[in-house]
PDB file of all heavy atoms in Angstrom:
ATOM      1  N   ALA A   1      84.506 109.273 148.347  1.00  0.00           N
ATOM      2  CA  ALA A   1      83.501 110.254 148.746  1.00  0.00           C
ATOM      3  C   ALA A   1      83.074 111.035 147.510  1.00  0.00           C
ATOM      4  O   ALA A   1      83.780 111.060 146.487  1.00  0.00           O
ATOM      5  CB  ALA A   1      84.054 111.209 149.806  1.00  0.00           C
ATOM      6  N   ASP A   2      81.926 111.674 147.603  1.00  0.00           N
ATOM      7  CA  ASP A   2      81.425 112.520 146.520  1.00  0.00           C
ATOM      8  C   ASP A   2      82.495 113.537 146.119  1.00  0.00           C
ATOM      9  O   ASP A   2      83.158 114.131 146.982  1.00  0.00           O
ATOM     10  CB  ASP A   2      80.158 113.237 147.009  1.00  0.00           C
ATOM     11  CG  ASP A   2      79.553 114.131 145.949  1.00  0.00           C
ATOM     12  OD1 ASP A   2      80.059 115.265 145.784  1.00  0.00           O
ATOM     13  OD2 ASP A   2      78.574 113.730 145.302  1.00  0.00           O
ATOM     14  N   GLU A   3      82.666 113.739 144.825  1.00  0.00           N
ATOM     15  CA  GLU A   3      83.743 114.615 144.354  1.00  0.00           C
ATOM     16  C   GLU A   3      83.591 116.045 144.851  1.00  0.00           C
ATOM     17  O   GLU A   3      84.594 116.735 145.114  1.00  0.00           O
ATOM     18  CB  GLU A   3      83.807 114.612 142.823  1.00  0.00           C
ATOM     19  CG  GLU A   3      82.549 115.112 142.132  1.00  0.00           C
ATOM     20  CD  GLU A   3      82.704 115.130 140.614  1.00  0.00           C
ATOM     21  OE1 GLU A   3      83.825 115.376 140.134  1.00  0.00           O
ATOM     22  OE2 GLU A   3      81.683 114.898 139.915  1.00  0.00           O
ATOM     23  N   HIS A   4      82.357 116.512 145.039  1.00  0.00           N
ATOM     24  CA  HIS A   4      82.139 117.862 145.527  1.00  0.00           C
ATOM     25  C   HIS A   4      82.548 117.983 146.995  1.00  0.00           C
ATOM     26  O   HIS A   4      83.091 119.010 147.423  1.00  0.00           O
ATOM     27  CB  HIS A   4      80.674 118.263 145.342  1.00  0.00           C
ATOM     28  CG  HIS A   4      80.235 118.260 143.912  1.00  0.00           C
ATOM     29  ND1 HIS A   4      79.580 117.196 143.348  1.00  0.00           N
ATOM     30  CD2 HIS A   4      80.386 119.192 142.920  1.00  0.00           C
ATOM     31  CE1 HIS A   4      79.316 117.460 142.074  1.00  0.00           C
ATOM     32  NE2 HIS A   4      79.807 118.660 141.793  1.00  0.00           N
ATOM     33  N   ILE A   5      82.299 116.931 147.762  1.00  0.00           N
ATOM     34  CA  ILE A   5      82.720 116.917 149.169  1.00  0.00           C
ATOM     35  C   ILE A   5      84.237 116.883 149.256  1.00  0.00           C
ATOM     36  O   ILE A   5      84.851 117.633 150.033  1.00  0.00           O
ATOM     37  CB  ILE A   5      82.087 115.723 149.906  1.00  0.00           C
ATOM     38  CG1 ILE A   5      80.585 115.976 150.105  1.00  0.00           C
ATOM     39  CG2 ILE A   5      82.773 115.465 151.248  1.00  0.00           C
ATOM     40  CD1 ILE A   5      79.829 114.834 150.709  1.00  0.00           C
ATOM     41  N   ARG A   6      84.869 116.044 148.450  1.00  0.00           N
ATOM     42  CA  ARG A   6      86.325 115.977 148.465  1.00  0.00           C
ATOM     43  C   ARG A   6      86.938 117.322 148.079  1.00  0.00           C
ATOM     44  O   ARG A   6      87.962 117.737 148.634  1.00  0.00           O
ATOM     45  CB  ARG A   6      86.810 114.862 147.536  1.00  0.00           C
ATOM     46  CG  ARG A   6      86.608 113.477 148.129  1.00  0.00           C
ATOM     47  CD  ARG A   6      87.283 112.383 147.323  1.00  0.00           C
ATOM     48  NE  ARG A   6      86.514 112.024 146.138  1.00  0.00           N
ATOM     49  CZ  ARG A   6      86.888 112.261 144.897  1.00  0.00           C
ATOM     50  NH1 ARG A   6      88.044 112.860 144.656  1.00  0.00           N
ATOM     51  NH2 ARG A   6      86.136 111.893 143.879  1.00  0.00           N
ATOM     52  N   ALA A   7      86.296 118.016 147.153  1.00  0.00           N
ATOM     53  CA  ALA A   7      86.805 119.321 146.721  1.00  0.00           C
ATOM     54  C   ALA A   7      86.732 120.346 147.855  1.00  0.00           C
ATOM     55  O   ALA A   7      87.673 121.135 148.049  1.00  0.00           O
ATOM     56  CB  ALA A   7      86.020 119.812 145.511  1.00  0.00           C
ATOM     57  N   VAL A   8      85.629 120.364 148.592  1.00  0.00           N
ATOM     58  CA  VAL A   8      85.468 121.307 149.707  1.00  0.00           C
ATOM     59  C   VAL A   8      86.528 121.037 150.776  1.00  0.00           C
ATOM     60  O   VAL A   8      87.175 121.958 151.285  1.00  0.00           O
ATOM     61  CB  VAL A   8      84.053 121.209 150.313  1.00  0.00           C
ATOM     62  CG1 VAL A   8      83.952 122.030 151.596  1.00  0.00           C
ATOM     63  CG2 VAL A   8      83.008 121.686 149.312  1.00  0.00           C
ATOM     64  N   VAL A   9      86.709 119.758 151.118  1.00  0.00           N
ATOM     65  CA  VAL A   9      87.686 119.384 152.135  1.00  0.00           C
ATOM     66  C   VAL A   9      89.103 119.718 151.666  1.00  0.00           C
ATOM     67  O   VAL A   9      89.915 120.281 152.424  1.00  0.00           O
ATOM     68  CB  VAL A   9      87.551 117.886 152.479  1.00  0.00           C
ATOM     69  CG1 VAL A   9      88.746 117.390 153.286  1.00  0.00           C
ATOM     70  CG2 VAL A   9      86.248 117.644 153.234  1.00  0.00           C
ATOM     71  N   SER A  10      89.404 119.404 150.410  1.00  0.00           N
ATOM     72  CA  SER A  10      90.735 119.681 149.868  1.00  0.00           C
ATOM     73  C   SER A  10      91.036 121.174 149.876  1.00  0.00           C
ATOM     74  O   SER A  10      92.150 121.599 150.233  1.00  0.00           O
ATOM     75  CB  SER A  10      90.840 119.118 148.451  1.00  0.00           C
ATOM     76  OG  SER A  10      92.106 119.392 147.892  1.00  0.00           O
ATOM     77  N   GLN A  11      90.060 121.976 149.497  1.00  0.00           N
ATOM     78  CA  GLN A  11      90.261 123.420 149.478  1.00  0.00           C
ATOM     79  C   GLN A  11      90.515 123.962 150.885  1.00  0.00           C
ATOM     80  O   GLN A  11      91.404 124.794 151.098  1.00  0.00           O
ATOM     81  CB  GLN A  11      89.042 124.114 148.864  1.00  0.00           C
ATOM     82  CG  GLN A  11      89.201 125.632 148.760  1.00  0.00           C
ATOM     83  CD  GLN A  11      87.936 126.313 148.285  1.00  0.00           C
ATOM     84  OE1 GLN A  11      86.849 126.054 148.803  1.00  0.00           O
ATOM     85  NE2 GLN A  11      88.067 127.178 147.290  1.00  0.00           N
ATOM     86  N   ALA A  12      89.742 123.474 151.864  1.00  0.00           N
ATOM     87  CA  ALA A  12      89.921 123.938 153.238  1.00  0.00           C
ATOM     88  C   ALA A  12      91.304 123.562 153.764  1.00  0.00           C
ATOM     89  O   ALA A  12      91.993 124.375 154.402  1.00  0.00           O
ATOM     90  CB  ALA A  12      88.835 123.351 154.136  1.00  0.00           C
ATOM     91  N   LEU A  13      91.739 122.349 153.489  1.00  0.00           N
ATOM     92  CA  LEU A  13      93.057 121.927 153.951  1.00  0.00           C
ATOM     93  C   LEU A  13      94.155 122.742 153.276  1.00  0.00           C
ATOM     94  O   LEU A  13      95.151 123.124 153.909  1.00  0.00           O
ATOM     95  CB  LEU A  13      93.258 120.431 153.690  1.00  0.00           C
ATOM     96  CG  LEU A  13      92.417 119.492 154.555  1.00  0.00           C
ATOM     97  CD1 LEU A  13      92.546 118.055 154.074  1.00  0.00           C
ATOM     98  CD2 LEU A  13      92.817 119.594 156.025  1.00  0.00           C
ATOM     99  N   GLY A  14      93.971 123.038 152.001  1.00  0.00           N
ATOM    100  CA  GLY A  14      94.940 123.857 151.303  1.00  0.00           C
ATOM    101  C   GLY A  14      95.042 125.256 151.880  1.00  0.00           C
ATOM    102  O   GLY A  14      96.141 125.809 152.038  1.00  0.00           O
ATOM    103  N   ARG A  15      93.902 125.839 152.211  1.00  0.00           N
ATOM    104  CA  ARG A  15      93.874 127.193 152.776  1.00  0.00           C
ATOM    105  C   ARG A  15      94.385 127.220 154.212  1.00  0.00           C
ATOM    106  O   ARG A  15      94.714 128.299 154.727  1.00  0.00           O
ATOM    107  CB  ARG A  15      92.451 127.748 152.733  1.00  0.00           C
ATOM    108  CG  ARG A  15      91.940 128.100 151.332  1.00  0.00           C
ATOM    109  CD  ARG A  15      90.489 128.517 151.375  1.00  0.00           C
ATOM    110  NE  ARG A  15      90.268 129.601 152.338  1.00  0.00           N
ATOM    111  CZ  ARG A  15      89.131 129.789 153.003  1.00  0.00           C
ATOM    112  NH1 ARG A  15      88.113 128.949 152.834  1.00  0.00           N
ATOM    113  NH2 ARG A  15      89.013 130.787 153.853  1.00  0.00           N
ATOM    114  N   SER A  16      94.458 126.057 154.873  1.00  0.00           N
ATOM    115  CA  SER A  16      94.879 126.019 156.274  1.00  0.00           C
ATOM    116  C   SER A  16      96.372 126.328 156.439  1.00  0.00           C
ATOM    117  O   SER A  16      96.817 126.652 157.541  1.00  0.00           O
ATOM    118  CB  SER A  16      94.595 124.648 156.877  1.00  0.00           C
ATOM    119  OG  SER A  16      95.543 123.681 156.430  1.00  0.00           O
ATOM    120  N   ARG A  17      97.116 126.196 155.369  1.00  0.00           N
ATOM    121  CA  ARG A  17      98.562 126.464 155.354  1.00  0.00           C
ATOM    122  C   ARG A  17      99.361 125.482 156.214  1.00  0.00           C
ATOM    123  O   ARG A  17     100.537 125.711 156.476  1.00  0.00           O
ATOM    124  CB  ARG A  17      98.889 127.904 155.756  1.00  0.00           C
ATOM    125  CG  ARG A  17      98.199 128.957 154.899  1.00  0.00           C
ATOM    126  CD  ARG A  17      98.795 130.342 155.108  1.00  0.00           C
ATOM    127  NE  ARG A  17      98.829 130.766 156.494  1.00  0.00           N
ATOM    128  CZ  ARG A  17      97.782 131.281 157.156  1.00  0.00           C
ATOM    129  NH1 ARG A  17      96.603 131.407 156.531  1.00  0.00           N
ATOM    130  NH2 ARG A  17      97.898 131.662 158.419  1.00  0.00           N
ATOM    131  N   PHE A  18      98.759 124.394 156.648  1.00  0.00           N
ATOM    132  CA  PHE A  18      99.534 123.323 157.264  1.00  0.00           C
ATOM    133  C   PHE A  18     100.216 122.523 156.160  1.00  0.00           C
ATOM    134  O   PHE A  18      99.699 122.433 155.035  1.00  0.00           O
ATOM    135  CB  PHE A  18      98.631 122.382 158.075  1.00  0.00           C
ATOM    136  CG  PHE A  18      98.179 122.939 159.399  1.00  0.00           C
ATOM    137  CD1 PHE A  18      96.860 123.326 159.596  1.00  0.00           C
ATOM    138  CD2 PHE A  18      99.074 123.083 160.449  1.00  0.00           C
ATOM    139  CE1 PHE A  18      96.439 123.839 160.818  1.00  0.00           C
ATOM    140  CE2 PHE A  18      98.662 123.586 161.679  1.00  0.00           C
ATOM    141  CZ  PHE A  18      97.345 123.972 161.859  1.00  0.00           C
ATOM    142  N   ALA A  19     101.369 121.962 156.456  1.00  0.00           N
ATOM    143  CA  ALA A  19     102.012 121.061 155.509  1.00  0.00           C
ATOM    144  C   ALA A  19     101.143 119.823 155.337  1.00  0.00           C
ATOM    145  O   ALA A  19     100.695 119.228 156.323  1.00  0.00           O
ATOM    146  CB  ALA A  19     103.401 120.677 156.016  1.00  0.00           C
ATOM    147  N   LEU A  20     100.890 119.444 154.110  1.00  0.00           N
ATOM    148  CA  LEU A  20     100.004 118.319 153.819  1.00  0.00           C
ATOM    149  C   LEU A  20     100.805 117.159 153.240  1.00  0.00           C
ATOM    150  O   LEU A  20     101.642 117.347 152.363  1.00  0.00           O
ATOM    151  CB  LEU A  20      98.898 118.737 152.841  1.00  0.00           C
ATOM    152  CG  LEU A  20      98.033 119.932 153.271  1.00  0.00           C
ATOM    153  CD1 LEU A  20      97.026 120.270 152.178  1.00  0.00           C
ATOM    154  CD2 LEU A  20      97.326 119.652 154.594  1.00  0.00           C
ATOM    155  N   VAL A  21     100.536 115.972 153.747  1.00  0.00           N
ATOM    156  CA  VAL A  21     101.234 114.762 153.320  1.00  0.00           C
ATOM    157  C   VAL A  21     100.191 113.727 152.942  1.00  0.00           C
ATOM    158  O   VAL A  21      99.226 113.506 153.680  1.00  0.00           O
ATOM    159  CB  VAL A  21     102.134 114.212 154.454  1.00  0.00           C
ATOM    160  CG1 VAL A  21     102.814 112.920 154.020  1.00  0.00           C
ATOM    161  CG2 VAL A  21     103.152 115.254 154.896  1.00  0.00           C
ATOM    162  N   GLU A  22     100.355 113.083 151.807  1.00  0.00           N
ATOM    163  CA  GLU A  22      99.419 112.031 151.416  1.00  0.00           C
ATOM    164  C   GLU A  22      99.598 110.820 152.327  1.00  0.00           C
ATOM    165  O   GLU A  22     100.718 110.381 152.572  1.00  0.00           O
ATOM    166  CB  GLU A  22      99.643 111.626 149.962  1.00  0.00           C
ATOM    167  CG  GLU A  22      99.241 112.697 148.949  1.00  0.00           C
ATOM    168  CD  GLU A  22      99.367 112.193 147.522  1.00  0.00           C
ATOM    169  OE1 GLU A  22      99.662 110.990 147.330  1.00  0.00           O
ATOM    170  OE2 GLU A  22      99.167 113.002 146.600  1.00  0.00           O
ATOM    171  N   GLN A  23      98.467 110.308 152.824  1.00  0.00           N
ATOM    172  CA  GLN A  23      98.481 109.119 153.665  1.00  0.00           C
ATOM    173  C   GLN A  23      97.420 108.141 153.156  1.00  0.00           C
ATOM    174  O   GLN A  23      96.502 108.532 152.416  1.00  0.00           O
ATOM    175  CB  GLN A  23      98.161 109.493 155.121  1.00  0.00           C
ATOM    176  CG  GLN A  23      99.265 110.271 155.822  1.00  0.00           C
ATOM    177  CD  GLN A  23     100.162 109.354 156.651  1.00  0.00           C
ATOM    178  OE1 GLN A  23     100.437 108.218 156.257  1.00  0.00           O
ATOM    179  NE2 GLN A  23     100.614 109.851 157.783  1.00  0.00           N
ATOM    180  N   SER A  24      97.535 106.904 153.567  1.00  0.00           N
ATOM    181  CA  SER A  24      96.521 105.911 153.206  1.00  0.00           C
ATOM    182  C   SER A  24      96.237 105.016 154.406  1.00  0.00           C
ATOM    183  O   SER A  24      97.120 104.757 155.229  1.00  0.00           O
ATOM    184  CB  SER A  24      96.976 105.064 152.011  1.00  0.00           C
ATOM    185  OG  SER A  24      98.113 104.302 152.358  1.00  0.00           O
ATOM    186  N   LEU A  25      94.989 104.586 154.498  1.00  0.00           N
ATOM    187  CA  LEU A  25      94.565 103.635 155.532  1.00  0.00           C
ATOM    188  C   LEU A  25      93.819 102.503 154.827  1.00  0.00           C
ATOM    189  O   LEU A  25      92.582 102.468 154.807  1.00  0.00           O
ATOM    190  CB  LEU A  25      93.664 104.325 156.568  1.00  0.00           C
ATOM    191  CG  LEU A  25      94.317 105.386 157.464  1.00  0.00           C
ATOM    192  CD1 LEU A  25      93.257 106.066 158.332  1.00  0.00           C
ATOM    193  CD2 LEU A  25      95.404 104.766 158.347  1.00  0.00           C
ATOM    194  N   PRO A  26      94.556 101.569 154.234  1.00  0.00           N
ATOM    195  CA  PRO A  26      93.900 100.513 153.445  1.00  0.00           C
ATOM    196  C   PRO A  26      92.986  99.615 154.256  1.00  0.00           C
ATOM    197  O   PRO A  26      92.133  98.930 153.692  1.00  0.00           O
ATOM    198  CB  PRO A  26      95.084  99.727 152.860  1.00  0.00           C
ATOM    199  CG  PRO A  26      96.261 100.081 153.722  1.00  0.00           C
ATOM    200  CD  PRO A  26      96.019 101.472 154.191  1.00  0.00           C
ATOM    201  N   GLY A  27      93.128  99.630 155.591  1.00  0.00           N
ATOM    202  CA  GLY A  27      92.290  98.760 156.418  1.00  0.00           C
ATOM    203  C   GLY A  27      90.955  99.354 156.803  1.00  0.00           C
ATOM    204  O   GLY A  27      90.198  98.730 157.568  1.00  0.00           O
ATOM    205  N   MET A  28      90.627 100.560 156.306  1.00  0.00           N
ATOM    206  CA  MET A  28      89.400 101.224 156.755  1.00  0.00           C
ATOM    207  C   MET A  28      88.139 100.438 156.442  1.00  0.00           C
ATOM    208  O   MET A  28      87.215 100.377 157.247  1.00  0.00           O
ATOM    209  CB  MET A  28      89.294 102.635 156.153  1.00  0.00           C
ATOM    210  CG  MET A  28      89.949 103.701 156.997  1.00  0.00           C
ATOM    211  SD  MET A  28      89.544 105.382 156.474  1.00  0.00           S
ATOM    212  CE  MET A  28      87.816 105.488 156.978  1.00  0.00           C
ATOM    213  N   SER A  29      88.072  99.845 155.254  1.00  0.00           N
ATOM    214  CA  SER A  29      86.862  99.116 154.870  1.00  0.00           C
ATOM    215  C   SER A  29      86.640  97.911 155.777  1.00  0.00           C
ATOM    216  O   SER A  29      85.524  97.671 156.257  1.00  0.00           O
ATOM    217  CB  SER A  29      86.961  98.673 153.411  1.00  0.00           C
ATOM    218  OG  SER A  29      85.806  97.939 153.026  1.00  0.00           O
ATOM    219  N   ALA A  30      87.700  97.161 156.044  1.00  0.00           N
ATOM    220  CA  ALA A  30      87.582  96.015 156.946  1.00  0.00           C
ATOM    221  C   ALA A  30      87.234  96.478 158.358  1.00  0.00           C
ATOM    222  O   ALA A  30      86.446  95.838 159.065  1.00  0.00           O
ATOM    223  CB  ALA A  30      88.876  95.213 156.965  1.00  0.00           C
TER     224      ALA A  30
END
């Protein structure tokens, strides 16, 4: 995604104070 969009989303998730865990969905493109 556009880096500016990713930054907005990342900042909001950070401010949410929920525990954040990196995940991946490699099948999304298919």
